[in-house]
Amino acid sequence: MSDIAITISLLALVAVIGLWIGHWKIRGVGFGVGGVLFGGIIVAHFTQQYGLALDTHTLHFVQEFGLILFVYTIGIQVGPGFFSSLRRSGLKLNGFAFLIVLLGGLTVIGIHKFANVPLDIILGIYSGAVTNTPSLGAGQQILSELGGNSTTATMGMAYAMAYPFGICGILLTMWLVRLCFHVKIDEEEQHFQRESGQDKETLTTMDIKVTNKNLDGLRLIAVPGFGAGDVVCSRLKRGDNLCVPKADTEIHLDDVLHLVGENEALQKMRLIIGDELSVKMTTAGGDIRSERVVVTSEKVLGKKIKSLGIHQKYGVVISRLNRAGVELVPTANTTLQFGDVLHMVGRTDVMNNAISVIGNTAQKLQQVQMLPVFIGIGLGVLFGSIPFYLPGFPVALKLGLAGGPLVIALILARIGTIGKLYWFMPPSANLALRELGIVLFLAVVGLKSGGSFVDTLLKGSGLEWMGYGIIITSVPLLITAVIARLYSKLNYLSLCGVLAGSMTDPPALAFANAIKEDSGAAALSYATVYPLAMFLRIISPQLLALLLWNFT
């Protein structure tokens, strides 16, 4: 067999053993996909014993491509809700991430000074303890610039010793917080959904009878409040007649308007229009029907609702728009994206014609457009390769293959569509690519770090380095987790995402996602803090090297 064939076969073996280990649970808690790393260490140990040759180029490609797949699909998943989350709670979450990095740096300084650990060793341990490979590269480069060429080779071994237990430290912190604070996962998920407005439809309805004499004979669009776009009138009842009103429809006393919007906006409209009715308006027995329609037609992607002419041609009103779990009040200027769910109200005889304009083809929701996937990955890799030069630093900073694809994926998912290209990805396809990526990445990391793992652990300074790594991992995480949970009352699922994101650790995110599948809370907070955390993780070893070198 060729070296490439042997390498691929061993990667498959690592995945099988690692995923099997990941299914082991202690008191309901397991490593999940993180078990692949330990599977790699086990296989690497025996590979070295029997002298099997692995193709280094294949391993390098598989590792980097797996990481790219993972972070890109994470960005696509959380992109639609990322920017709203950033506005809502981004400052607080990034503050906790910054605190973790700061405490980690202070811990490194303390160990270096009081335990007399050489600078190259402590920087290698630091990079492994925070599970950040770009941090290792940045540390090696800065030591080379400072004239420490002969010592940078030992950083890799220190990194390998600390890395596996760096992952364990993050998982252990999540587990300890869960036990110490008696966290109930289902309650945390409910709290998160209430905070993010996903536990129920954020829009409500109200039937209001027109009693304000000043509105008699006035066109609907002229009624104060409708022009702001916060409320939509989807039905009008006059006597026994029920219809879908248009903007120029005249309203009269005793008309009943069925309004859709947020509760605060509806209460304001009630003060303007008249009295709220306790009996809800119904379409039963009439020729008005409502439908939930999914945007799948490529002809309407990126277009504004007013340009479709649905209301003018068919008298159909779009009363609600659900995008990535967030319900919005649509306006004439709202741009449609693939996968948007519209709540449409109109006459039965013309509703199907209006639906055909939107698409509503269930089959398209299960298809993946591969062209946008590779465009996004390509742009992400290019963006991550752009160097950023800061005054006083001899080494250029880069987001790398992990940060670049994530940032681009967040942006593209927020844009949604460009022409006929759409970045919507079915959840099942996203999950498959995400799991494949993280398994490949961890399998290679395990194979690379496992060869000398046992010898260094038993015969060298491995145990000592490992102990320092555990301190660097655990102390900042535990302190920040207690502060965030005890004083800031941060949601547990969001906290897990912050812990994983602050360490830029995909395996920890995979573990956090598995705590409550399909939640999205951990992934959203991970993506919120990841860009800043990645920047800090790359720049922190350079700052530490410069600081400690001057005092050595």
Protein backbone atom coordinates (compact mmCIF):
# COMPACT_ATOMS: atom_id res chain seq x y z
CA MET A 1 0.00 0.00 0.00
CA SER A 2 1.10 3.56 -0.66
CA ASP A 3 1.77 6.01 2.16
CA ILE A 4 -1.35 7.96 1.20
CA ALA A 5 -3.53 4.82 1.34
CA ILE A 6 -2.10 3.90 4.75
CA THR A 7 -2.67 7.44 6.02
CA ILE A 8 -6.32 7.55 4.90
CA SER A 9 -6.96 4.09 6.37
CA LEU A 10 -5.50 5.12 9.72
CA LEU A 11 -7.57 8.30 9.72
CA ALA A 12 -10.68 6.17 9.28
CA LEU A 13 -9.53 3.91 12.13
CA VAL A 14 -8.95 6.94 14.35
CA ALA A 15 -12.45 8.21 13.59
CA VAL A 16 -14.01 4.83 14.44
CA ILE A 17 -12.12 4.44 17.72
CA GLY A 18 -12.55 8.09 18.67
CA LEU A 19 -16.28 8.23 18.01
CA TRP A 20 -16.66 5.00 20.00
CA ILE A 21 -14.77 6.59 22.91
CA GLY A 22 -16.92 9.68 22.52
CA HIS A 23 -20.04 7.62 23.22
CA TRP A 24 -18.78 6.68 26.68
CA LYS A 25 -20.60 8.67 29.34
CA ILE A 26 -19.87 9.35 33.00
CA ARG A 27 -22.96 10.56 34.82
CA GLY A 28 -24.48 11.49 31.50
CA VAL A 29 -21.44 13.47 30.32
CA GLY A 30 -19.15 12.24 27.54
CA PHE A 31 -16.47 13.60 25.24
CA GLY A 32 -18.65 13.32 22.15
CA VAL A 33 -16.71 14.09 19.00
CA GLY A 34 -13.79 15.19 21.19
CA GLY A 35 -13.04 11.50 21.73
CA VAL A 36 -11.54 11.43 18.23
CA LEU A 37 -8.50 13.30 19.56
CA PHE A 38 -7.79 10.52 22.05
CA GLY A 39 -8.43 7.91 19.39
CA GLY A 40 -5.70 9.61 17.37
CA ILE A 41 -3.25 9.52 20.28
CA ILE A 42 -3.88 5.78 20.79
CA VAL A 43 -3.45 4.95 17.11
CA ALA A 44 -0.35 7.17 16.82
CA HIS A 45 1.32 5.34 19.70
CA PHE A 46 0.97 1.95 18.02
CA THR A 47 1.79 3.42 14.60
CA GLN A 48 5.15 4.52 15.93
CA GLN A 49 5.72 1.13 17.54
CA TYR A 50 5.27 -0.71 14.24
CA GLY A 51 7.03 1.90 12.12
CA LEU A 52 4.13 2.72 9.79
CA ALA A 53 4.87 5.68 7.52
CA LEU A 54 2.28 8.44 7.27
CA ASP A 55 2.14 10.95 4.44
CA THR A 56 2.71 14.34 6.08
CA HIS A 57 1.28 16.31 3.15
CA THR A 58 -1.97 14.34 3.29
CA LEU A 59 -2.24 14.84 7.04
CA HIS A 60 -1.64 18.57 6.72
CA PHE A 61 -4.28 18.97 4.01
CA VAL A 62 -6.88 16.87 5.85
CA GLN A 63 -6.32 18.80 9.08
CA GLU A 64 -6.63 22.22 7.50
CA PHE A 65 -9.56 21.33 5.24
CA GLY A 66 -11.44 19.72 8.13
CA LEU A 67 -11.00 22.86 10.22
CA ILE A 68 -12.16 25.06 7.33
CA LEU A 69 -15.29 22.93 6.82
CA PHE A 70 -16.15 23.08 10.51
CA VAL A 71 -15.80 26.82 11.06
CA TYR A 72 -17.44 27.68 7.72
CA THR A 73 -20.58 25.65 8.45
CA ILE A 74 -20.71 27.12 11.96
CA GLY A 75 -20.71 30.59 10.42
CA ILE A 76 -23.46 29.69 7.96
CA GLN A 77 -25.56 28.24 10.79
CA VAL A 78 -25.36 31.21 13.15
CA GLY A 79 -24.89 34.01 10.60
CA PRO A 80 -28.54 35.13 10.32
CA GLY A 81 -28.79 35.70 14.07
CA PHE A 82 -25.18 36.71 14.75
CA PHE A 83 -25.40 40.45 14.17
CA SER A 84 -28.62 40.89 16.15
CA SER A 85 -26.99 38.91 18.98
CA LEU A 86 -23.92 41.14 18.74
CA ARG A 87 -26.08 44.23 19.19
CA ARG A 88 -28.04 42.66 22.02
CA SER A 89 -25.37 40.99 24.15
CA GLY A 90 -22.11 41.12 22.19
CA LEU A 91 -20.33 43.58 24.47
CA LYS A 92 -20.94 41.49 27.57
CA LEU A 93 -19.98 38.18 25.94
CA ASN A 94 -16.81 39.63 24.42
CA GLY A 95 -15.98 41.14 27.79
CA PHE A 96 -15.97 37.67 29.34
CA ALA A 97 -13.83 36.33 26.48
CA PHE A 98 -11.33 39.16 27.02
CA LEU A 99 -11.25 38.38 30.74
CA ILE A 100 -10.40 34.73 30.03
CA VAL A 101 -7.51 35.72 27.74
CA LEU A 102 -6.25 38.29 30.25
CA LEU A 103 -6.31 35.84 33.16
CA GLY A 104 -4.56 33.25 31.00
CA GLY A 105 -1.77 35.69 30.21
CA LEU A 106 -1.34 36.59 33.88
CA THR A 107 -1.20 32.89 34.77
CA VAL A 108 1.55 32.34 32.18
CA ILE A 109 3.58 35.22 33.63
CA GLY A 110 3.19 33.79 37.12
CA ILE A 111 4.29 30.27 36.15
CA HIS A 112 7.23 31.59 34.14
CA LYS A 113 8.47 33.73 37.03
CA PHE A 114 7.83 31.51 40.04
CA ALA A 115 8.41 28.06 38.49
CA ASN A 116 11.32 29.18 36.29
CA VAL A 117 9.82 27.58 33.19
CA PRO A 118 11.79 28.58 30.04
CA LEU A 119 10.06 31.06 27.76
CA ASP A 120 9.78 28.72 24.78
CA ILE A 121 8.32 25.94 26.91
CA ILE A 122 5.75 28.14 28.65
CA LEU A 123 4.61 29.67 25.35
CA GLY A 124 4.22 26.19 23.88
CA ILE A 125 2.25 25.07 26.92
CA TYR A 126 0.15 28.22 26.72
CA SER A 127 -0.76 27.60 23.07
CA GLY A 128 -1.67 23.98 23.76
CA ALA A 129 -3.58 24.82 26.94
CA VAL A 130 -5.77 27.28 25.04
CA THR A 131 -6.02 24.84 22.08
CA ASN A 132 -4.96 27.43 19.54
CA THR A 133 -2.57 26.36 16.79
CA PRO A 134 -2.16 29.87 15.28
CA SER A 135 -1.01 30.97 18.73
CA LEU A 136 1.79 28.40 18.55
CA GLY A 137 2.89 29.67 15.15
CA ALA A 138 2.81 33.27 16.33
CA GLY A 139 4.89 32.38 19.39
CA GLN A 140 7.48 30.54 17.32
CA GLN A 141 7.77 33.44 14.90
CA ILE A 142 8.22 36.07 17.58
CA LEU A 143 10.88 33.99 19.37
CA SER A 144 12.69 33.59 16.06
CA GLU A 145 12.57 37.36 15.57
CA LEU A 146 13.94 37.86 19.06
CA GLY A 147 16.87 35.53 18.40
CA GLY A 148 15.63 32.35 20.07
CA ASN A 149 15.95 30.09 17.04
CA SER A 150 17.55 27.26 18.94
CA THR A 151 14.74 26.99 21.46
CA THR A 152 11.58 27.24 19.32
CA ALA A 153 11.70 23.53 18.37
CA THR A 154 10.70 22.51 21.91
CA MET A 155 7.51 24.56 21.72
CA GLY A 156 5.82 21.93 19.53
CA MET A 157 6.29 19.15 22.09
CA ALA A 158 5.10 21.38 24.94
CA TYR A 159 2.08 22.26 22.83
CA ALA A 160 1.32 18.57 22.17
CA MET A 161 1.49 17.73 25.86
CA ALA A 162 -0.87 20.51 26.89
CA TYR A 163 -3.33 20.32 23.97
CA PRO A 164 -5.32 17.16 24.84
CA PHE A 165 -5.83 18.25 28.40
CA GLY A 166 -6.57 21.77 27.24
CA ILE A 167 -9.68 20.33 25.63
CA CYS A 168 -10.43 18.30 28.76
CA GLY A 169 -10.12 21.43 30.90
CA ILE A 170 -12.78 23.24 28.90
CA LEU A 171 -15.14 20.25 29.02
CA LEU A 172 -14.43 19.78 32.73
CA THR A 173 -15.22 23.44 33.41
CA MET A 174 -18.57 23.12 31.61
CA TRP A 175 -19.32 19.99 33.60
CA LEU A 176 -18.34 21.52 36.96
CA VAL A 177 -20.43 24.63 36.35
CA ARG A 178 -23.36 22.41 35.46
CA LEU A 179 -22.97 20.41 38.70
CA CYS A 180 -22.13 23.27 41.07
CA PHE A 181 -24.99 25.51 39.93
CA HIS A 182 -27.45 22.61 39.53
CA VAL A 183 -28.14 23.60 35.94
CA LYS A 184 -31.23 22.16 34.29
CA ILE A 185 -30.60 22.13 30.56
CA ASP A 186 -34.24 22.29 29.45
CA GLU A 187 -34.86 25.33 31.64
CA GLU A 188 -31.74 27.04 30.29
CA GLU A 189 -32.94 26.42 26.73
CA GLN A 190 -36.34 27.89 27.57
CA HIS A 191 -34.69 30.94 29.14
CA PHE A 192 -32.51 31.40 26.07
CA GLN A 193 -35.48 31.19 23.73
CA ARG A 194 -37.39 33.73 25.81
CA GLU A 195 -34.41 36.11 25.81
CA SER A 196 -33.90 35.74 22.07
CA GLY A 197 -37.60 35.80 21.22
CA GLN A 198 -37.64 32.27 19.82
CA ASP A 199 -39.80 30.57 22.44
CA LYS A 200 -42.92 31.86 20.79
CA GLU A 201 -43.85 34.00 17.88
CA THR A 202 -42.60 37.43 18.78
CA LEU A 203 -45.49 38.94 16.82
CA THR A 204 -49.01 38.88 18.18
CA THR A 205 -52.40 39.72 16.75
CA MET A 206 -55.15 42.04 17.88
CA ASP A 207 -58.66 42.66 16.57
CA ILE A 208 -59.62 46.32 17.01
CA LYS A 209 -63.02 47.87 16.34
CA VAL A 210 -62.90 51.34 14.79
CA THR A 211 -64.57 53.74 17.25
CA ASN A 212 -62.46 56.85 16.65
CA LYS A 213 -64.72 59.17 14.64
CA ASN A 214 -61.71 61.00 13.24
CA LEU A 215 -60.79 57.88 11.26
CA ASP A 216 -64.17 57.47 9.53
CA GLY A 217 -63.61 57.52 5.76
CA LEU A 218 -59.83 57.71 6.08
CA ARG A 219 -57.60 55.54 3.91
CA LEU A 220 -55.80 52.78 5.80
CA ILE A 221 -52.34 54.09 4.93
CA ALA A 222 -53.28 57.50 6.35
CA VAL A 223 -54.03 56.09 9.82
CA PRO A 224 -51.21 57.14 12.19
CA GLY A 225 -48.96 54.15 12.93
CA PHE A 226 -49.35 52.19 9.70
CA GLY A 227 -46.74 54.18 7.83
CA ALA A 228 -44.00 53.21 10.32
CA GLY A 229 -44.06 49.58 9.21
CA ASP A 230 -44.45 48.18 12.74
CA VAL A 231 -47.98 46.87 12.18
CA VAL A 232 -49.71 45.10 9.30
CA CYS A 233 -53.47 44.92 8.77
CA SER A 234 -54.11 41.50 7.23
CA ARG A 235 -57.92 41.43 7.38
CA LEU A 236 -60.85 43.85 7.57
CA LYS A 237 -64.34 42.85 8.62
CA ARG A 238 -67.32 45.09 7.77
CA GLY A 239 -70.58 43.62 8.94
CA ASP A 240 -70.55 40.03 7.71
CA ASN A 241 -68.04 40.70 4.93
CA LEU A 242 -64.41 39.77 5.38
CA CYS A 243 -61.71 41.05 3.02
CA VAL A 244 -57.99 41.68 2.70
CA PRO A 245 -57.55 45.48 2.78
CA LYS A 246 -55.18 47.45 0.58
CA ALA A 247 -53.26 50.59 1.46
CA ASP A 248 -55.94 52.84 -0.10
CA THR A 249 -58.90 50.97 1.43
CA GLU A 250 -61.22 53.34 3.32
CA ILE A 251 -62.15 52.39 6.86
CA HIS A 252 -65.38 53.32 8.61
CA LEU A 253 -66.81 53.27 12.09
CA ASP A 254 -67.51 49.76 13.46
CA ASP A 255 -65.06 48.13 11.02
CA VAL A 256 -62.92 45.46 12.68
CA LEU A 257 -59.21 45.41 11.78
CA HIS A 258 -57.06 42.33 12.31
CA LEU A 259 -53.59 43.67 13.10
CA VAL A 260 -50.24 41.85 13.33
CA GLY A 261 -47.19 43.25 15.11
CA GLU A 262 -45.30 43.40 18.38
CA ASN A 263 -47.45 43.88 21.45
CA GLU A 264 -46.16 47.38 22.23
CA ALA A 265 -46.95 48.60 18.71
CA LEU A 266 -50.40 46.99 18.81
CA GLN A 267 -51.24 48.72 22.08
CA LYS A 268 -50.39 52.07 20.51
CA MET A 269 -52.66 51.29 17.55
CA ARG A 270 -55.47 50.37 19.94
CA LEU A 271 -55.27 53.82 21.52
CA ILE A 272 -55.52 55.41 18.06
CA ILE A 273 -58.19 53.23 16.47
CA GLY A 274 -60.62 52.09 19.10
CA ASP A 275 -61.57 49.09 21.23
CA GLU A 276 -59.93 45.66 21.34
CA LEU A 277 -62.35 42.78 20.80
CA SER A 278 -62.16 39.77 23.07
CA VAL A 279 -63.46 37.42 20.35
CA LYS A 280 -60.80 36.78 17.73
CA MET A 281 -61.61 37.21 14.06
CA THR A 282 -61.69 33.95 12.13
CA THR A 283 -61.53 33.03 8.48
CA ALA A 284 -63.62 29.89 8.94
CA GLY A 285 -66.51 29.68 6.53
CA GLY A 286 -65.28 32.61 4.46
CA ASP A 287 -63.33 32.93 1.24
CA ILE A 288 -60.22 34.21 3.06
CA ARG A 289 -57.42 31.81 3.92
CA SER A 290 -53.95 32.10 5.42
CA GLU A 291 -50.88 30.09 4.48
CA ARG A 292 -47.26 29.75 5.58
CA VAL A 293 -45.14 29.88 2.43
CA VAL A 294 -41.40 29.29 2.08
CA VAL A 295 -39.36 31.45 -0.29
CA THR A 296 -37.70 29.05 -2.76
CA SER A 297 -38.14 30.74 -6.15
CA GLU A 298 -34.84 32.09 -7.46
CA LYS A 299 -36.75 34.85 -9.28
CA VAL A 300 -37.66 36.62 -6.04
CA LEU A 301 -34.38 36.25 -4.14
CA GLY A 302 -32.93 39.61 -3.18
CA LYS A 303 -36.04 41.47 -4.33
CA LYS A 304 -38.18 43.78 -2.23
CA ILE A 305 -41.72 42.74 -1.41
CA LYS A 306 -43.19 45.78 -3.16
CA SER A 307 -41.49 44.85 -6.44
CA LEU A 308 -43.30 41.48 -6.54
CA GLY A 309 -46.72 43.14 -6.87
CA ILE A 310 -48.43 40.36 -4.90
CA HIS A 311 -50.65 42.76 -3.00
CA GLN A 312 -51.63 44.74 -6.09
CA LYS A 313 -52.20 41.73 -8.38
CA TYR A 314 -53.82 39.27 -6.01
CA GLY A 315 -54.86 41.29 -2.96
CA VAL A 316 -52.68 39.06 -0.76
CA VAL A 317 -51.03 40.49 2.35
CA ILE A 318 -47.74 39.22 3.81
CA SER A 319 -48.39 39.71 7.51
CA ARG A 320 -45.30 38.01 8.98
CA LEU A 321 -41.82 36.96 7.97
CA ASN A 322 -39.81 34.34 9.84
CA ARG A 323 -36.07 34.36 9.16
CA ALA A 324 -33.78 31.91 10.95
CA GLY A 325 -36.25 31.59 13.83
CA VAL A 326 -36.76 35.34 14.27
CA GLU A 327 -40.18 36.71 13.37
CA LEU A 328 -40.33 40.14 11.73
CA VAL A 329 -42.98 42.59 10.56
CA PRO A 330 -42.46 42.75 6.79
CA THR A 331 -42.58 46.09 5.00
CA ALA A 332 -42.74 46.98 1.34
CA ASN A 333 -38.95 47.44 1.36
CA THR A 334 -38.14 44.10 3.03
CA THR A 335 -35.76 42.01 0.90
CA LEU A 336 -36.55 38.31 0.58
CA GLN A 337 -33.97 35.59 1.22
CA PHE A 338 -34.00 31.89 0.44
CA GLY A 339 -35.71 29.96 3.23
CA ASP A 340 -37.75 32.90 4.56
CA VAL A 341 -41.14 31.77 5.82
CA LEU A 342 -43.98 34.15 4.94
CA HIS A 343 -47.42 34.23 6.53
CA MET A 344 -49.75 35.19 3.69
CA VAL A 345 -53.43 36.11 3.88
CA GLY A 346 -55.72 36.44 0.87
CA ARG A 347 -58.75 35.19 -1.03
CA THR A 348 -58.88 31.44 -1.56
CA ASP A 349 -59.34 31.66 -5.33
CA VAL A 350 -56.12 33.65 -5.89
CA MET A 351 -53.90 32.39 -3.05
CA ASN A 352 -52.32 29.61 -5.14
CA ASN A 353 -51.31 32.13 -7.79
CA ALA A 354 -49.56 34.26 -5.16
CA ILE A 355 -47.86 31.20 -3.66
CA SER A 356 -46.47 30.20 -7.06
CA VAL A 357 -44.64 33.52 -7.23
CA ILE A 358 -42.88 32.83 -3.92
CA GLY A 359 -42.04 29.21 -4.70
CA ASN A 360 -42.91 27.07 -1.68
CA THR A 361 -41.12 24.06 -3.20
CA ALA A 362 -40.24 21.73 -0.33
CA GLN A 363 -37.75 19.78 -2.43
CA LYS A 364 -35.51 22.83 -2.88
CA LEU A 365 -35.16 23.13 0.90
CA GLN A 366 -33.34 19.78 0.91
CA GLN A 367 -30.89 20.66 -1.85
CA VAL A 368 -27.47 22.20 -1.30
CA GLN A 369 -26.06 24.70 -3.75
CA MET A 370 -22.41 23.64 -3.80
CA LEU A 371 -21.21 26.61 -5.85
CA PRO A 372 -21.83 29.13 -3.03
CA VAL A 373 -20.17 26.72 -0.55
CA PHE A 374 -16.86 26.71 -2.42
CA ILE A 375 -17.10 30.42 -3.21
CA GLY A 376 -17.49 31.10 0.50
CA ILE A 377 -14.65 28.78 1.48
CA GLY A 378 -12.35 30.33 -1.14
CA LEU A 379 -13.14 33.87 0.00
CA GLY A 380 -12.67 32.83 3.63
CA VAL A 381 -9.25 31.34 3.03
CA LEU A 382 -8.14 34.43 1.11
CA PHE A 383 -9.46 36.76 3.82
CA GLY A 384 -7.75 34.74 6.54
CA SER A 385 -4.43 35.05 4.66
CA ILE A 386 -4.45 38.86 4.67
CA PRO A 387 -1.71 40.13 7.03
CA PHE A 388 -2.49 42.91 9.49
CA TYR A 389 0.50 44.95 10.58
CA LEU A 390 0.48 46.65 13.97
CA PRO A 391 3.06 49.23 15.05
CA GLY A 392 5.80 47.74 17.17
CA PHE A 393 5.15 44.13 16.19
CA PRO A 394 7.65 42.41 13.92
CA VAL A 395 5.19 39.66 12.96
CA ALA A 396 2.09 40.24 10.84
CA LEU A 397 -1.19 39.08 12.38
CA LYS A 398 -3.64 36.94 10.40
CA LEU A 399 -7.06 35.43 11.11
CA GLY A 400 -5.82 32.25 9.46
CA LEU A 401 -7.72 29.27 8.10
CA ALA A 402 -9.98 29.18 11.14
CA GLY A 403 -10.89 32.84 11.52
CA GLY A 404 -11.13 33.83 7.84
CA PRO A 405 -13.78 31.30 6.72
CA LEU A 406 -15.81 31.96 9.88
CA VAL A 407 -15.95 35.73 9.34
CA ILE A 408 -16.82 35.36 5.65
CA ALA A 409 -19.49 32.76 6.43
CA LEU A 410 -21.09 35.10 8.97
CA ILE A 411 -21.20 37.90 6.40
CA LEU A 412 -22.53 35.73 3.56
CA ALA A 413 -25.19 34.14 5.78
CA ARG A 414 -26.30 37.60 6.84
CA ILE A 415 -26.50 38.75 3.19
CA GLY A 416 -28.40 35.59 2.32
CA THR A 417 -28.51 35.83 -1.45
CA ILE A 418 -26.55 37.41 -4.28
CA GLY A 419 -28.39 37.03 -7.56
CA LYS A 420 -29.27 33.36 -7.97
CA LEU A 421 -26.69 32.30 -5.41
CA TYR A 422 -28.00 31.67 -1.91
CA TRP A 423 -26.06 30.67 1.18
CA PHE A 424 -28.94 28.88 2.86
CA MET A 425 -27.93 25.34 3.81
CA PRO A 426 -30.39 22.64 4.99
CA PRO A 427 -29.76 21.82 8.66
CA SER A 428 -29.05 18.16 7.89
CA ALA A 429 -26.44 19.05 5.26
CA ASN A 430 -24.86 21.66 7.53
CA LEU A 431 -24.61 19.14 10.38
CA ALA A 432 -23.08 16.48 8.12
CA LEU A 433 -20.36 18.80 6.79
CA ARG A 434 -19.71 20.21 10.25
CA GLU A 435 -19.26 16.78 11.86
CA LEU A 436 -17.07 15.56 8.99
CA GLY A 437 -14.84 18.60 9.33
CA ILE A 438 -14.28 18.34 13.07
CA VAL A 439 -13.67 14.58 12.92
CA LEU A 440 -10.99 15.01 10.24
CA PHE A 441 -9.34 17.86 12.13
CA LEU A 442 -9.21 16.04 15.47
CA ALA A 443 -8.05 12.77 13.92
CA VAL A 444 -4.97 14.46 12.45
CA VAL A 445 -4.20 16.43 15.62
CA GLY A 446 -4.34 13.19 17.59
CA LEU A 447 -2.06 11.37 15.15
CA LYS A 448 0.48 14.21 15.17
CA SER A 449 0.65 14.67 18.94
CA GLY A 450 0.35 11.01 19.94
CA GLY A 451 3.64 9.61 18.61
CA SER A 452 5.89 10.93 21.40
CA PHE A 453 3.10 11.47 23.88
CA VAL A 454 3.76 8.43 26.08
CA ASP A 455 7.57 8.82 26.13
CA THR A 456 7.37 12.48 27.03
CA LEU A 457 4.72 11.77 29.62
CA LEU A 458 6.59 8.96 31.38
CA LYS A 459 10.28 9.73 30.84
CA GLY A 460 10.51 13.46 30.27
CA SER A 461 8.96 16.58 31.73
CA GLY A 462 5.57 15.73 30.28
CA LEU A 463 3.72 15.48 33.59
CA GLU A 464 5.11 18.81 34.73
CA TRP A 465 4.19 20.51 31.46
CA MET A 466 0.78 18.90 31.61
CA GLY A 467 0.21 20.25 35.09
CA TYR A 468 1.11 23.77 34.03
CA GLY A 469 -1.22 23.40 31.06
CA ILE A 470 -4.10 22.35 33.29
CA ILE A 471 -3.54 25.43 35.46
CA ILE A 472 -3.41 27.77 32.44
CA THR A 473 -6.59 26.19 31.08
CA SER A 474 -8.65 25.82 34.23
CA VAL A 475 -7.97 28.93 36.34
CA PRO A 476 -9.16 31.58 33.83
CA LEU A 477 -12.14 29.47 32.75
CA LEU A 478 -13.36 28.69 36.26
CA ILE A 479 -12.97 32.27 37.52
CA THR A 480 -14.78 33.72 34.52
CA ALA A 481 -17.48 31.04 34.56
CA VAL A 482 -18.27 31.73 38.23
CA ILE A 483 -18.40 35.50 37.64
CA ALA A 484 -20.57 35.12 34.52
CA ARG A 485 -22.97 32.69 36.14
CA LEU A 486 -23.11 34.02 39.68
CA TYR A 487 -23.08 37.76 39.11
CA SER A 488 -24.18 38.25 35.49
CA LYS A 489 -26.71 35.37 35.46
CA LEU A 490 -25.46 34.36 32.01
CA ASN A 491 -27.39 31.54 30.38
CA TYR A 492 -25.54 28.23 30.80
CA LEU A 493 -25.71 27.29 27.12
CA SER A 494 -24.45 30.73 26.12
CA LEU A 495 -21.72 30.46 28.75
CA CYS A 496 -20.52 27.17 27.24
CA GLY A 497 -20.31 28.90 23.87
CA VAL A 498 -18.28 31.74 25.38
CA LEU A 499 -15.87 29.29 27.05
CA ALA A 500 -15.37 27.39 23.79
CA GLY A 501 -15.13 30.57 21.71
CA SER A 502 -12.65 32.23 24.05
CA MET A 503 -10.40 29.20 23.56
CA THR A 504 -11.19 29.13 19.81
CA ASP A 505 -11.82 25.43 20.41
CA PRO A 506 -14.04 23.61 17.85
CA PRO A 507 -14.14 20.33 19.87
CA ALA A 508 -15.42 22.23 22.90
CA LEU A 509 -18.08 23.84 20.73
CA ALA A 510 -19.08 20.43 19.41
CA PHE A 511 -19.39 19.25 23.02
CA ALA A 512 -21.41 22.36 23.96
CA ASN A 513 -23.73 21.87 20.98
CA ALA A 514 -24.34 18.27 22.04
CA ILE A 515 -25.51 19.39 25.50
CA LYS A 516 -28.73 20.61 23.88
CA GLU A 517 -28.98 19.65 20.25
CA ASP A 518 -30.63 22.06 17.81
CA SER A 519 -30.46 24.86 20.38
CA GLY A 520 -28.03 27.19 18.63
CA ALA A 521 -27.34 29.10 21.86
CA ALA A 522 -23.77 27.83 22.27
CA ALA A 523 -22.93 28.25 18.58
CA LEU A 524 -24.29 31.80 18.54
CA SER A 525 -22.26 32.97 21.54
CA TYR A 526 -19.22 31.08 20.18
CA ALA A 527 -19.45 32.99 16.91
CA THR A 528 -20.04 36.26 18.80
CA VAL A 529 -16.75 36.05 20.71
CA TYR A 530 -14.67 34.04 18.22
CA PRO A 531 -13.33 36.89 16.02
CA LEU A 532 -12.06 38.91 18.99
CA ALA A 533 -10.82 35.79 20.79
CA MET A 534 -8.89 34.60 17.73
CA PHE A 535 -7.23 38.00 17.40
CA LEU A 536 -6.32 38.03 21.11
CA ARG A 537 -5.03 34.44 20.98
CA ILE A 538 -2.72 35.31 18.10
CA ILE A 539 -1.44 38.55 19.58
CA SER A 540 -1.17 37.39 23.23
CA PRO A 541 1.86 35.07 22.82
CA GLN A 542 3.64 37.86 20.95
CA LEU A 543 2.88 40.31 23.76
CA LEU A 544 3.96 37.75 26.38
CA ALA A 545 7.16 36.97 24.49
CA LEU A 546 8.08 40.64 24.19
CA LEU A 547 7.24 41.32 27.83
CA LEU A 548 8.99 38.28 29.32
CA TRP A 549 11.99 38.48 26.98
CA ASN A 550 12.78 41.97 28.21
CA PHE A 551 12.72 40.80 31.82
CA THR A 552 14.61 37.54 31.29
